[in-house]
Amino acid sequence: MSLWGGAFNEPSDADLRALQDSIGFDKRMYAVDIEGSVAYAAALSLAGVITDEEAAQIINGLEAVKAEFDEGRFQLQVGDEDIHTAVERRLTELVGAVGGKLHTGRSRNDQVATDLRLWTIDALHQIDSLVGALQEALIAASEPHVETLMPGYTHLQPAQPITAAHWLMSFFWMFARDRARLSDTQSRTEVLPLGSGALAGSPFAINREFLAGQLGFEFVSENSLDAVSDRDYVAEALFAFSLIGVHLSRLAEDLILYSNPAFGYITLNDRYSTGSSLMPQKRNPDPMELARGKAGRLIGNLTGLLTTLKGLPTSYNKDLQEDKEPLFDAVDTLTLILPVITAVLRTLKLNPDRMRAALDESMLATDLADYLVSKGIPFREAHHISGRAVRLASEKGVTLTRLSVDDLHSLSDRFGHDVEAVFDFAASVARRRAQGGTAPDAVREQIARARDWLANEG
């Protein structure tokens, strides 16, 4: 059975079929294809194009086809070039000629656009749920370490002391933005193309608002030419997925670094580490390396689709068949990696002693400048004086805290014996209590806001 070809004298060449047939990958859309067809049969009945009895026959037949797919009994045949052909072929085998009435006024152009939107909406929900679980794991990992001190870095150089919870929670908000993007993408995906025909609209009195309600779409497309060719939502979904991949890669990079014995800040659970086939001592952070690597794959999917879309003329073109595989691959990739990284976080062991031992007293140089600010010195001048103190300590071959009050007084007469209170890592962290800061109290408030976010926005 073919959905076209009446005007052709010869069948398609086998090599062409191998090139253009999409059943190998679009068969995963069978459920949404059948869902759209059930709604369309009902709309045809409401429009008086088919009888209620014919609609019932078609719908019962479609449900039987779906059951075959669900149970793994559906048998593909040589002529099934795509999921739409396969479903309609099997429907007609089950219900007879009435099955051929289902495609009245409908094109595969608006049919596939509808299918892919429905599939994408489900995928957005699926990925959102997985990212939400990752956020929960970040909170759970953070809560015991609100007062655990560790070095904070900029340019991967020691900068200022922070708390381990503050470090972990920084990723929570990255993923919060990701989930907001998923939600925003969904709102533009919920536009019904069905009823647009091949490009010019339907000649039948199809109630598209009814179709939208049946399929859960919030909006109806305004232009049939645009409706059958719009893949903006696929590009947006791929961008959102790519940025999730980027954030996972950044998290992975930190975990890779901090699990290295040179740092030793964290220890990965044996279940989420691998070994070497040659070196018995090795504990490799392979899940994080794969997360880092797969970010490139996700970005490649987005770049590939944008390149496909950029030169297309108006309406549907066969190039758009290239929209599905990158989307499917991106969803599959995130579905594989997100649960593993979530489990890594849930089983992660932090090593507070190693973190604290890595604190460098030079990280308190900013606190020294802040001390001078409290004595009335403008910050730019205080910054310069503090820098001279760091240089003096280096010249003397001592740490910053080993400079005497007399040494400091030689740099500024504003230094007094109370300067000794500056050289305390916990006090330094505690002073940064403004909202969003690393002070334990501020981080506790941050975690509370994160939980509120999950309850109300997530």
Foldseek 3Di string as FASTA:
>chain_A
DAPDDPVPPDDDDPVVLVVQQDAVPQLVLLVLLLLLLLLLLVLCCVLVVDPPVLSVLLNVLSVVQVVCVVVVNQDDDPRRSHSNSSSLVSSCVVRNPSSVSSCAQADVLLSVLSSVLLVLLVLLVVLLVLLLLLLVLLLVLLVVWLLQWFFDDDVNDGAAIFIPNLVSCVLSVLSLVLNVLSVVLNLVSLERLTQLHQFNGGPTPGDVVSSSVSSVRPHYDDGNQCSSADPVSLLSSLVSLLSVLVSLLVVLVVVQVCCPPVQVFKPWDQVQWDADPPDRVDTHNVLNVVSNVCSVVSVVLSVVVCVLPVDDDIGDDSSCSSSPPSSVVSSVSSVVNSVSVSVRSNRMGGDSVSRVVPDAQLSLLQLQLVLVVVLVDDSVVSNVLSVVLCVVCVVVVHGSLPQDQVNSCVSPVSRDPVSNVSRDSLVSQLVQQPQSGRRSVNSVVVSVVSVVCSVPPD
